[in-house]
Amino acid sequence: MAIVTGALRGIGRAIAVHLHSLVAKHEYRNLADTTLKDRDRTFNVNTRGAVLYSKEARVLSWG
């Protein structure tokens, strides 16, 4: 998932369109058809991203 600010025009729109084109190339499965390994990988990637983001935000805001 990506959040693109200013996605209605200019470079923000170009970035949003490009990211959408990358996502469109991937195959999505029904949740019932995913394996436990797939679910673990997704969870780990999402959790790691949130943890790293929060650690970086803490360092930037509190020094």
PDB file of N, CA and C in Angstrom:
ATOM      1  N   MET A   1       0.838  -1.156   0.000  1.00  0.00           N
ATOM      2  CA  MET A   1       0.000   0.000   0.000  1.00  0.00           C
ATOM      3  C   MET A   1       0.888   1.224   0.000  1.00  0.00           C
ATOM      4  N   ALA A   2       0.435   2.229  -0.721  1.00  0.00           N
ATOM      5  CA  ALA A   2       1.177   3.484  -0.747  1.00  0.00           C
ATOM      6  C   ALA A   2       0.205   4.638  -0.619  1.00  0.00           C
ATOM      7  N   ILE A   3       0.587   5.653   0.117  1.00  0.00           N
ATOM      8  CA  ILE A   3      -0.199   6.876   0.216  1.00  0.00           C
ATOM      9  C   ILE A   3       0.598   7.953  -0.498  1.00  0.00           C
ATOM     10  N   VAL A   4      -0.012   8.540  -1.512  1.00  0.00           N
ATOM     11  CA  VAL A   4       0.667   9.562  -2.295  1.00  0.00           C
ATOM     12  C   VAL A   4      -0.075  10.873  -2.101  1.00  0.00           C
ATOM     13  N   THR A   5       0.592  11.833  -1.484  1.00  0.00           N
ATOM     14  CA  THR A   5      -0.046  13.140  -1.324  1.00  0.00           C
ATOM     15  C   THR A   5       0.070  13.903  -2.639  1.00  0.00           C
ATOM     16  N   GLY A   6      -0.931  14.689  -2.935  1.00  0.00           N
ATOM     17  CA  GLY A   6      -0.926  15.460  -4.179  1.00  0.00           C
ATOM     18  C   GLY A   6      -1.135  14.602  -5.407  1.00  0.00           C
ATOM     19  N   ALA A   7      -1.890  13.503  -5.263  1.00  0.00           N
ATOM     20  CA  ALA A   7      -2.045  12.545  -6.361  1.00  0.00           C
ATOM     21  C   ALA A   7      -3.012  13.002  -7.445  1.00  0.00           C
ATOM     22  N   LEU A   8      -3.600  14.174  -7.287  1.00  0.00           N
ATOM     23  CA  LEU A   8      -4.556  14.638  -8.294  1.00  0.00           C
ATOM     24  C   LEU A   8      -3.892  15.309  -9.485  1.00  0.00           C
ATOM     25  N   ARG A   9      -2.664  15.790  -9.300  1.00  0.00           N
ATOM     26  CA  ARG A   9      -2.024  16.501 -10.416  1.00  0.00           C
ATOM     27  C   ARG A   9      -0.503  16.488 -10.269  1.00  0.00           C
ATOM     28  N   GLY A  10       0.139  16.858 -11.324  1.00  0.00           N
ATOM     29  CA  GLY A  10       1.583  17.012 -11.325  1.00  0.00           C
ATOM     30  C   GLY A  10       2.347  15.740 -11.022  1.00  0.00           C
ATOM     31  N   ILE A  11       3.463  15.907 -10.306  1.00  0.00           N
ATOM     32  CA  ILE A  11       4.337  14.771 -10.024  1.00  0.00           C
ATOM     33  C   ILE A  11       3.660  13.759  -9.096  1.00  0.00           C
ATOM     34  N   GLY A  12       2.795  14.244  -8.201  1.00  0.00           N
ATOM     35  CA  GLY A  12       2.061  13.321  -7.334  1.00  0.00           C
ATOM     36  C   GLY A  12       1.187  12.370  -8.142  1.00  0.00           C
ATOM     37  N   ARG A  13       0.527  12.901  -9.172  1.00  0.00           N
ATOM     38  CA  ARG A  13      -0.303  12.054 -10.034  1.00  0.00           C
ATOM     39  C   ARG A  13       0.565  11.068 -10.801  1.00  0.00           C
ATOM     40  N   ALA A  14       1.696  11.532 -11.312  1.00  0.00           N
ATOM     41  CA  ALA A  14       2.591  10.646 -12.061  1.00  0.00           C
ATOM     42  C   ALA A  14       3.083   9.497 -11.172  1.00  0.00           C
ATOM     43  N   ILE A  15       3.396   9.801  -9.927  1.00  0.00           N
ATOM     44  CA  ILE A  15       3.845   8.766  -9.002  1.00  0.00           C
ATOM     45  C   ILE A  15       2.713   7.784  -8.710  1.00  0.00           C
ATOM     46  N   ALA A  16       1.507   8.309  -8.473  1.00  0.00           N
ATOM     47  CA  ALA A  16       0.363   7.439  -8.189  1.00  0.00           C
ATOM     48  C   ALA A  16       0.064   6.517  -9.368  1.00  0.00           C
ATOM     49  N   VAL A  17       0.115   7.049 -10.574  1.00  0.00           N
ATOM     50  CA  VAL A  17      -0.144   6.241 -11.775  1.00  0.00           C
ATOM     51  C   VAL A  17       0.921   5.165 -11.924  1.00  0.00           C
ATOM     52  N   HIS A  18       2.184   5.534 -11.697  1.00  0.00           N
ATOM     53  CA  HIS A  18       3.273   4.562 -11.811  1.00  0.00           C
ATOM     54  C   HIS A  18       3.130   3.447 -10.769  1.00  0.00           C
ATOM     55  N   LEU A  19       2.845   3.812  -9.519  1.00  0.00           N
ATOM     56  CA  LEU A  19       2.678   2.793  -8.483  1.00  0.00           C
ATOM     57  C   LEU A  19       1.509   1.872  -8.806  1.00  0.00           C
ATOM     58  N   HIS A  20       0.433   2.443  -9.331  1.00  0.00           N
ATOM     59  CA  HIS A  20      -0.709   1.610  -9.712  1.00  0.00           C
ATOM     60  C   HIS A  20      -0.326   0.627 -10.815  1.00  0.00           C
ATOM     61  N   SER A  21       0.492   1.075 -11.757  1.00  0.00           N
ATOM     62  CA  SER A  21       0.900   0.176 -12.846  1.00  0.00           C
ATOM     63  C   SER A  21       1.755  -0.977 -12.318  1.00  0.00           C
ATOM     64  N   LEU A  22       2.541  -0.729 -11.282  1.00  0.00           N
ATOM     65  CA  LEU A  22       3.350  -1.796 -10.685  1.00  0.00           C
ATOM     66  C   LEU A  22       2.475  -2.791  -9.956  1.00  0.00           C
ATOM     67  N   VAL A  23       1.480  -2.308  -9.245  1.00  0.00           N
ATOM     68  CA  VAL A  23       0.581  -3.177  -8.493  1.00  0.00           C
ATOM     69  C   VAL A  23      -0.245  -4.022  -9.442  1.00  0.00           C
ATOM     70  N   ALA A  24      -0.639  -3.462 -10.558  1.00  0.00           N
ATOM     71  CA  ALA A  24      -1.495  -4.175 -11.500  1.00  0.00           C
ATOM     72  C   ALA A  24      -0.811  -5.417 -12.069  1.00  0.00           C
ATOM     73  N   LYS A  25       0.498  -5.487 -11.975  1.00  0.00           N
ATOM     74  CA  LYS A  25       1.242  -6.626 -12.512  1.00  0.00           C
ATOM     75  C   LYS A  25       1.238  -7.826 -11.557  1.00  0.00           C
ATOM     76  N   HIS A  26       0.850  -7.609 -10.310  1.00  0.00           N
ATOM     77  CA  HIS A  26       0.881  -8.683  -9.326  1.00  0.00           C
ATOM     78  C   HIS A  26      -0.448  -9.414  -9.278  1.00  0.00           C
ATOM     79  N   GLU A  27      -0.363 -10.674  -8.985  1.00  0.00           N
ATOM     80  CA  GLU A  27      -1.562 -11.505  -8.867  1.00  0.00           C
ATOM     81  C   GLU A  27      -2.038 -11.498  -7.423  1.00  0.00           C
ATOM     82  N   TYR A  28      -3.318 -11.304  -7.244  1.00  0.00           N
ATOM     83  CA  TYR A  28      -3.892 -11.328  -5.904  1.00  0.00           C
ATOM     84  C   TYR A  28      -4.737 -12.572  -5.748  1.00  0.00           C
ATOM     85  N   ARG A  29      -4.632 -13.187  -4.598  1.00  0.00           N
ATOM     86  CA  ARG A  29      -5.402 -14.391  -4.322  1.00  0.00           C
ATOM     87  C   ARG A  29      -6.468 -14.097  -3.288  1.00  0.00           C
ATOM     88  N   ASN A  30      -7.490 -14.912  -3.301  1.00  0.00           N
ATOM     89  CA  ASN A  30      -8.512 -14.857  -2.275  1.00  0.00           C
ATOM     90  C   ASN A  30      -7.841 -15.198  -0.944  1.00  0.00           C
ATOM     91  N   LEU A  31      -8.247 -14.533   0.122  1.00  0.00           N
ATOM     92  CA  LEU A  31      -7.643 -14.779   1.431  1.00  0.00           C
ATOM     93  C   LEU A  31      -7.728 -16.249   1.831  1.00  0.00           C
ATOM     94  N   ALA A  32      -8.811 -16.906   1.461  1.00  0.00           N
ATOM     95  CA  ALA A  32      -8.977 -18.320   1.798  1.00  0.00           C
ATOM     96  C   ALA A  32      -7.967 -19.201   1.066  1.00  0.00           C
ATOM     97  N   ASP A  33      -7.433 -18.713  -0.055  1.00  0.00           N
ATOM     98  CA  ASP A  33      -6.490 -19.498  -0.847  1.00  0.00           C
ATOM     99  C   ASP A  33      -5.026 -19.234  -0.489  1.00  0.00           C
ATOM    100  N   THR A  34      -4.781 -18.300   0.413  1.00  0.00           N
ATOM    101  CA  THR A  34      -3.393 -18.009   0.771  1.00  0.00           C
ATOM    102  C   THR A  34      -2.884 -19.020   1.787  1.00  0.00           C
ATOM    103  N   THR A  35      -1.605 -19.261   1.727  1.00  0.00           N
ATOM    104  CA  THR A  35      -0.995 -20.202   2.672  1.00  0.00           C
ATOM    105  C   THR A  35      -0.595 -19.457   3.941  1.00  0.00           C
ATOM    106  N   LEU A  36      -0.346 -20.203   4.977  1.00  0.00           N
ATOM    107  CA  LEU A  36       0.121 -19.605   6.221  1.00  0.00           C
ATOM    108  C   LEU A  36       1.455 -18.898   6.004  1.00  0.00           C
ATOM    109  N   LYS A  37       2.296 -19.458   5.155  1.00  0.00           N
ATOM    110  CA  LYS A  37       3.585 -18.839   4.845  1.00  0.00           C
ATOM    111  C   LYS A  37       3.369 -17.467   4.192  1.00  0.00           C
ATOM    112  N   ASP A  38       2.409 -17.376   3.258  1.00  0.00           N
ATOM    113  CA  ASP A  38       2.100 -16.095   2.621  1.00  0.00           C
ATOM    114  C   ASP A  38       1.607 -15.077   3.641  1.00  0.00           C
ATOM    115  N   ARG A  39       0.735 -15.525   4.528  1.00  0.00           N
ATOM    116  CA  ARG A  39       0.189 -14.619   5.544  1.00  0.00           C
ATOM    117  C   ARG A  39       1.278 -14.152   6.504  1.00  0.00           C
ATOM    118  N   ASP A  40       2.157 -15.053   6.896  1.00  0.00           N
ATOM    119  CA  ASP A  40       3.270 -14.676   7.782  1.00  0.00           C
ATOM    120  C   ASP A  40       4.180 -13.658   7.117  1.00  0.00           C
ATOM    121  N   ARG A  41       4.476 -13.871   5.851  1.00  0.00           N
ATOM    122  CA  ARG A  41       5.345 -12.938   5.130  1.00  0.00           C
ATOM    123  C   ARG A  41       4.707 -11.552   5.062  1.00  0.00           C
ATOM    124  N   THR A  42       3.430 -11.499   4.715  1.00  0.00           N
ATOM    125  CA  THR A  42       2.731 -10.215   4.641  1.00  0.00           C
ATOM    126  C   THR A  42       2.728  -9.526   5.995  1.00  0.00           C
ATOM    127  N   PHE A  43       2.420 -10.266   7.040  1.00  0.00           N
ATOM    128  CA  PHE A  43       2.411  -9.702   8.383  1.00  0.00           C
ATOM    129  C   PHE A  43       3.787  -9.167   8.758  1.00  0.00           C
ATOM    130  N   ASN A  44       4.827  -9.950   8.485  1.00  0.00           N
ATOM    131  CA  ASN A  44       6.187  -9.533   8.837  1.00  0.00           C
ATOM    132  C   ASN A  44       6.616  -8.275   8.091  1.00  0.00           C
ATOM    133  N   VAL A  45       6.301  -8.197   6.807  1.00  0.00           N
ATOM    134  CA  VAL A  45       6.662  -7.014   6.019  1.00  0.00           C
ATOM    135  C   VAL A  45       5.926  -5.793   6.552  1.00  0.00           C
ATOM    136  N   ASN A  46       4.622  -5.919   6.780  1.00  0.00           N
ATOM    137  CA  ASN A  46       3.836  -4.784   7.261  1.00  0.00           C
ATOM    138  C   ASN A  46       4.253  -4.349   8.656  1.00  0.00           C
ATOM    139  N   THR A  47       4.500  -5.306   9.536  1.00  0.00           N
ATOM    140  CA  THR A  47       4.898  -4.977  10.903  1.00  0.00           C
ATOM    141  C   THR A  47       6.275  -4.327  10.927  1.00  0.00           C
ATOM    142  N   ARG A  48       7.193  -4.872  10.151  1.00  0.00           N
ATOM    143  CA  ARG A  48       8.542  -4.302  10.105  1.00  0.00           C
ATOM    144  C   ARG A  48       8.506  -2.863   9.619  1.00  0.00           C
ATOM    145  N   GLY A  49       7.712  -2.604   8.595  1.00  0.00           N
ATOM    146  CA  GLY A  49       7.593  -1.245   8.079  1.00  0.00           C
ATOM    147  C   GLY A  49       7.079  -0.282   9.132  1.00  0.00           C
ATOM    148  N   ALA A  50       6.056  -0.699   9.868  1.00  0.00           N
ATOM    149  CA  ALA A  50       5.482   0.161  10.908  1.00  0.00           C
ATOM    150  C   ALA A  50       6.483   0.415  12.030  1.00  0.00           C
ATOM    151  N   VAL A  51       7.210  -0.618  12.425  1.00  0.00           N
ATOM    152  CA  VAL A  51       8.197  -0.465  13.500  1.00  0.00           C
ATOM    153  C   VAL A  51       9.330   0.459  13.071  1.00  0.00           C
ATOM    154  N   LEU A  52       9.862   0.251  11.871  1.00  0.00           N
ATOM    155  CA  LEU A  52      10.959   1.101  11.402  1.00  0.00           C
ATOM    156  C   LEU A  52      10.505   2.548  11.232  1.00  0.00           C
ATOM    157  N   TYR A  53       9.291   2.737  10.731  1.00  0.00           N
ATOM    158  CA  TYR A  53       8.765   4.094  10.573  1.00  0.00           C
ATOM    159  C   TYR A  53       8.639   4.779  11.929  1.00  0.00           C
ATOM    160  N   SER A  54       8.082   4.084  12.908  1.00  0.00           N
ATOM    161  CA  SER A  54       7.885   4.706  14.218  1.00  0.00           C
ATOM    162  C   SER A  54       9.220   4.995  14.903  1.00  0.00           C
ATOM    163  N   LYS A  55      10.198   4.107  14.723  1.00  0.00           N
ATOM    164  CA  LYS A  55      11.517   4.363  15.317  1.00  0.00           C
ATOM    165  C   LYS A  55      12.161   5.585  14.688  1.00  0.00           C
ATOM    166  N   GLU A  56      12.037   5.717  13.371  1.00  0.00           N
ATOM    167  CA  GLU A  56      12.623   6.874  12.669  1.00  0.00           C
ATOM    168  C   GLU A  56      11.907   8.163  13.083  1.00  0.00           C
ATOM    169  N   ALA A  57      10.592   8.111  13.189  1.00  0.00           N
ATOM    170  CA  ALA A  57       9.826   9.294  13.590  1.00  0.00           C
ATOM    171  C   ALA A  57      10.216   9.730  14.998  1.00  0.00           C
ATOM    172  N   ARG A  58      10.438   8.764  15.869  1.00  0.00           N
ATOM    173  CA  ARG A  58      10.828   9.083  17.249  1.00  0.00           C
ATOM    174  C   ARG A  58      12.193   9.765  17.277  1.00  0.00           C
ATOM    175  N   VAL A  59      13.127   9.246  16.498  1.00  0.00           N
ATOM    176  CA  VAL A  59      14.477   9.817  16.455  1.00  0.00           C
ATOM    177  C   VAL A  59      14.431  11.220  15.891  1.00  0.00           C
ATOM    178  N   LEU A  60      13.662  11.443  14.839  1.00  0.00           N
ATOM    179  CA  LEU A  60      13.588  12.769  14.231  1.00  0.00           C
ATOM    180  C   LEU A  60      12.901  13.788  15.130  1.00  0.00           C
ATOM    181  N   SER A  61      11.882  13.363  15.875  1.00  0.00           N
ATOM    182  CA  SER A  61      11.144  14.322  16.681  1.00  0.00           C
ATOM    183  C   SER A  61      11.787  14.590  18.036  1.00  0.00           C
ATOM    184  N   TRP A  62      12.504  13.622  18.590  1.00  0.00           N
ATOM    185  CA  TRP A  62      13.083  13.808  19.911  1.00  0.00           C
ATOM    186  C   TRP A  62      14.611  13.893  19.910  1.00  0.00           C
ATOM    187  N   GLY A  63      15.194  13.691  18.747  1.00  0.00           N
ATOM    188  CA  GLY A  63      16.628  13.802  18.665  1.00  0.00           C
ATOM    189  C   GLY A  63      17.317  12.682  19.230  1.00  0.00           C
TER     190      GLY A  63
END
